[in-house]
Amino acid sequence: MDKYTALSLSKITTVAIQDLGQMIRNCRLEHGISQQDLAERINISRYSIMAIEKGDPKIAVGVVFEAAYIVGIPLLGGELKDLQNLSVNLAKLTNILPKKAPKRTKDIEDDF
């Protein structure tokens, strides 16, 4: 991981990306799908699949989600109807939230 990425991502985010990459790899192997076959289904290079499986944070989240979906990892509910229900609920929540975040009054310590 390069210096810029290491500085801009929290440890928990880095670990989560790596774990998802490992899950994609394990499911791909369990289903007998080669890296090349998965790459062709997503229309990306085999090297991008290798990067996903290594947990490279520079790969677009949509590409990672597509790889996860293809190998059978449920995304935020797993079924299309679950995702549609989630979308409806998020839209309702968005309507009651403020349009902007309040101005910060003090520095936030987020270095856990």
C-alpha atoms as a PDB file:
ATOM      1  CA  MET A   1       0.000   0.000   0.000  1.00  0.00           C
ATOM      2  CA  ASP A   2       1.433   3.390  -0.923  1.00  0.00           C
ATOM      3  CA  LYS A   3       2.142   6.126   1.589  1.00  0.00           C
ATOM      4  CA  TYR A   4      -0.791   8.333   0.500  1.00  0.00           C
ATOM      5  CA  THR A   5      -3.366   5.548   0.854  1.00  0.00           C
ATOM      6  CA  ALA A   6      -1.972   4.447   4.198  1.00  0.00           C
ATOM      7  CA  LEU A   7      -2.367   7.986   5.515  1.00  0.00           C
ATOM      8  CA  SER A   8      -5.847   8.594   4.170  1.00  0.00           C
ATOM      9  CA  LEU A   9      -7.636   5.414   5.294  1.00  0.00           C
ATOM     10  CA  SER A  10      -8.326   4.296   8.826  1.00  0.00           C
ATOM     11  CA  LYS A  11      -7.037   0.920   9.934  1.00  0.00           C
ATOM     12  CA  ILE A  12     -10.574  -0.485  10.187  1.00  0.00           C
ATOM     13  CA  THR A  13     -11.341   0.581   6.603  1.00  0.00           C
ATOM     14  CA  THR A  14      -8.116  -0.967   5.351  1.00  0.00           C
ATOM     15  CA  VAL A  15      -8.828  -4.248   7.134  1.00  0.00           C
ATOM     16  CA  ALA A  16     -12.446  -4.303   5.904  1.00  0.00           C
ATOM     17  CA  ILE A  17     -11.319  -3.837   2.279  1.00  0.00           C
ATOM     18  CA  GLN A  18      -8.763  -6.612   2.661  1.00  0.00           C
ATOM     19  CA  ASP A  19     -11.336  -8.908   4.285  1.00  0.00           C
ATOM     20  CA  LEU A  20     -13.834  -8.304   1.479  1.00  0.00           C
ATOM     21  CA  GLY A  21     -11.119  -9.056  -1.069  1.00  0.00           C
ATOM     22  CA  GLN A  22     -10.336 -12.322   0.710  1.00  0.00           C
ATOM     23  CA  MET A  23     -14.040 -13.202   0.833  1.00  0.00           C
ATOM     24  CA  ILE A  24     -14.317 -12.585  -2.919  1.00  0.00           C
ATOM     25  CA  ARG A  25     -11.281 -14.787  -3.540  1.00  0.00           C
ATOM     26  CA  ASN A  26     -12.586 -17.594  -1.323  1.00  0.00           C
ATOM     27  CA  CYS A  27     -16.052 -17.551  -2.911  1.00  0.00           C
ATOM     28  CA  ARG A  28     -14.538 -17.402  -6.398  1.00  0.00           C
ATOM     29  CA  LEU A  29     -12.429 -20.475  -5.686  1.00  0.00           C
ATOM     30  CA  GLU A  30     -15.329 -22.271  -3.986  1.00  0.00           C
ATOM     31  CA  HIS A  31     -17.437 -21.779  -7.137  1.00  0.00           C
ATOM     32  CA  GLY A  32     -14.588 -22.819  -9.425  1.00  0.00           C
ATOM     33  CA  ILE A  33     -14.360 -19.456 -11.178  1.00  0.00           C
ATOM     34  CA  SER A  34     -10.951 -18.432 -12.485  1.00  0.00           C
ATOM     35  CA  GLN A  35      -9.657 -14.889 -12.125  1.00  0.00           C
ATOM     36  CA  GLN A  36      -9.802 -14.557 -15.906  1.00  0.00           C
ATOM     37  CA  ASP A  37     -13.434 -15.730 -16.069  1.00  0.00           C
ATOM     38  CA  LEU A  38     -14.469 -13.297 -13.342  1.00  0.00           C
ATOM     39  CA  ALA A  39     -12.570 -10.472 -15.039  1.00  0.00           C
ATOM     40  CA  GLU A  40     -14.327 -11.161 -18.344  1.00  0.00           C
ATOM     41  CA  ARG A  41     -17.755 -11.148 -16.672  1.00  0.00           C
ATOM     42  CA  ILE A  42     -17.052  -7.720 -15.174  1.00  0.00           C
ATOM     43  CA  ASN A  43     -15.205  -6.466 -18.272  1.00  0.00           C
ATOM     44  CA  ILE A  44     -11.998  -5.647 -16.396  1.00  0.00           C
ATOM     45  CA  SER A  45      -8.480  -7.077 -16.467  1.00  0.00           C
ATOM     46  CA  ARG A  46      -7.308 -10.107 -14.542  1.00  0.00           C
ATOM     47  CA  TYR A  47      -4.864  -7.771 -12.794  1.00  0.00           C
ATOM     48  CA  SER A  48      -7.826  -5.801 -11.444  1.00  0.00           C
ATOM     49  CA  ILE A  49      -9.253  -9.033  -9.995  1.00  0.00           C
ATOM     50  CA  MET A  50      -5.884  -9.670  -8.371  1.00  0.00           C
ATOM     51  CA  ALA A  51      -5.980  -6.140  -6.902  1.00  0.00           C
ATOM     52  CA  ILE A  52      -9.530  -6.656  -5.587  1.00  0.00           C
ATOM     53  CA  GLU A  53      -8.510  -9.898  -3.912  1.00  0.00           C
ATOM     54  CA  LYS A  54      -5.485  -8.218  -2.315  1.00  0.00           C
ATOM     55  CA  GLY A  55      -7.713  -5.458  -0.932  1.00  0.00           C
ATOM     56  CA  ASP A  56      -6.403  -2.612  -3.078  1.00  0.00           C
ATOM     57  CA  PRO A  57      -8.460   0.448  -2.054  1.00  0.00           C
ATOM     58  CA  LYS A  58      -7.962   2.136  -5.428  1.00  0.00           C
ATOM     59  CA  ILE A  59     -10.376  -0.226  -7.197  1.00  0.00           C
ATOM     60  CA  ALA A  60     -13.793   1.384  -7.769  1.00  0.00           C
ATOM     61  CA  VAL A  61     -16.385   0.306  -5.221  1.00  0.00           C
ATOM     62  CA  GLY A  62     -18.866  -0.566  -7.991  1.00  0.00           C
ATOM     63  CA  VAL A  63     -16.384  -2.994  -9.515  1.00  0.00           C
ATOM     64  CA  VAL A  64     -15.717  -4.604  -6.128  1.00  0.00           C
ATOM     65  CA  PHE A  65     -19.471  -4.923  -5.465  1.00  0.00           C
ATOM     66  CA  GLU A  66     -20.006  -6.490  -8.899  1.00  0.00           C
ATOM     67  CA  ALA A  67     -17.261  -9.042  -8.224  1.00  0.00           C
ATOM     68  CA  ALA A  68     -18.804  -9.803  -4.823  1.00  0.00           C
ATOM     69  CA  TYR A  69     -22.261 -10.228  -6.361  1.00  0.00           C
ATOM     70  CA  ILE A  70     -21.028 -12.538  -9.123  1.00  0.00           C
ATOM     71  CA  VAL A  71     -19.277 -14.884  -6.696  1.00  0.00           C
ATOM     72  CA  GLY A  72     -22.313 -14.989  -4.411  1.00  0.00           C
ATOM     73  CA  ILE A  73     -21.598 -12.532  -1.606  1.00  0.00           C
ATOM     74  CA  PRO A  74     -24.833 -10.791  -0.557  1.00  0.00           C
ATOM     75  CA  LEU A  75     -24.766  -7.014  -0.873  1.00  0.00           C
ATOM     76  CA  LEU A  76     -26.607  -5.089   1.851  1.00  0.00           C
ATOM     77  CA  GLY A  77     -29.387  -7.646   2.051  1.00  0.00           C
ATOM     78  CA  GLY A  78     -28.717 -10.018  -0.790  1.00  0.00           C
ATOM     79  CA  GLU A  79     -32.015  -9.898  -2.656  1.00  0.00           C
ATOM     80  CA  LEU A  80     -33.140  -7.160  -5.041  1.00  0.00           C
ATOM     81  CA  LYS A  81     -36.328  -6.623  -3.011  1.00  0.00           C
ATOM     82  CA  ASP A  82     -34.207  -6.131   0.130  1.00  0.00           C
ATOM     83  CA  LEU A  83     -32.130  -3.492  -1.639  1.00  0.00           C
ATOM     84  CA  GLN A  84     -35.255  -1.775  -2.955  1.00  0.00           C
ATOM     85  CA  ASN A  85     -36.721  -1.695   0.574  1.00  0.00           C
ATOM     86  CA  LEU A  86     -33.434  -0.288   1.842  1.00  0.00           C
ATOM     87  CA  SER A  87     -33.573   2.415  -0.837  1.00  0.00           C
ATOM     88  CA  VAL A  88     -37.120   3.390   0.185  1.00  0.00           C
ATOM     89  CA  ASN A  89     -36.142   3.561   3.859  1.00  0.00           C
ATOM     90  CA  LEU A  90     -33.035   5.595   3.092  1.00  0.00           C
ATOM     91  CA  ALA A  91     -35.105   8.033   1.026  1.00  0.00           C
ATOM     92  CA  LYS A  92     -37.498   8.483   3.966  1.00  0.00           C
ATOM     93  CA  LEU A  93     -34.581   9.074   6.325  1.00  0.00           C
ATOM     94  CA  THR A  94     -32.992  11.537   3.918  1.00  0.00           C
ATOM     95  CA  ASN A  95     -36.204  13.582   3.900  1.00  0.00           C
ATOM     96  CA  ILE A  96     -36.111  14.099   7.667  1.00  0.00           C
ATOM     97  CA  LEU A  97     -32.385  14.779   8.011  1.00  0.00           C
ATOM     98  CA  PRO A  98     -30.973  18.300   7.729  1.00  0.00           C
ATOM     99  CA  LYS A  99     -29.772  19.304   4.274  1.00  0.00           C
ATOM    100  CA  LYS A 100     -26.311  20.178   5.614  1.00  0.00           C
ATOM    101  CA  ALA A 101     -24.208  18.929   8.478  1.00  0.00           C
ATOM    102  CA  PRO A 102     -23.975  21.412  11.344  1.00  0.00           C
ATOM    103  CA  LYS A 103     -20.817  23.464  11.584  1.00  0.00           C
ATOM    104  CA  ARG A 104     -18.203  21.823  13.721  1.00  0.00           C
ATOM    105  CA  THR A 105     -17.683  23.585  17.017  1.00  0.00           C
ATOM    106  CA  LYS A 106     -14.660  21.603  18.126  1.00  0.00           C
ATOM    107  CA  ASP A 107     -12.112  19.268  16.599  1.00  0.00           C
ATOM    108  CA  ILE A 108     -13.228  15.674  16.385  1.00  0.00           C
ATOM    109  CA  GLU A 109     -10.785  13.049  17.590  1.00  0.00           C
ATOM    110  CA  ASP A 110     -11.264  10.094  15.259  1.00  0.00           C
ATOM    111  CA  ASP A 111      -7.940   8.376  15.839  1.00  0.00           C
ATOM    112  CA  PHE A 112      -9.124   5.346  17.771  1.00  0.00           C
END
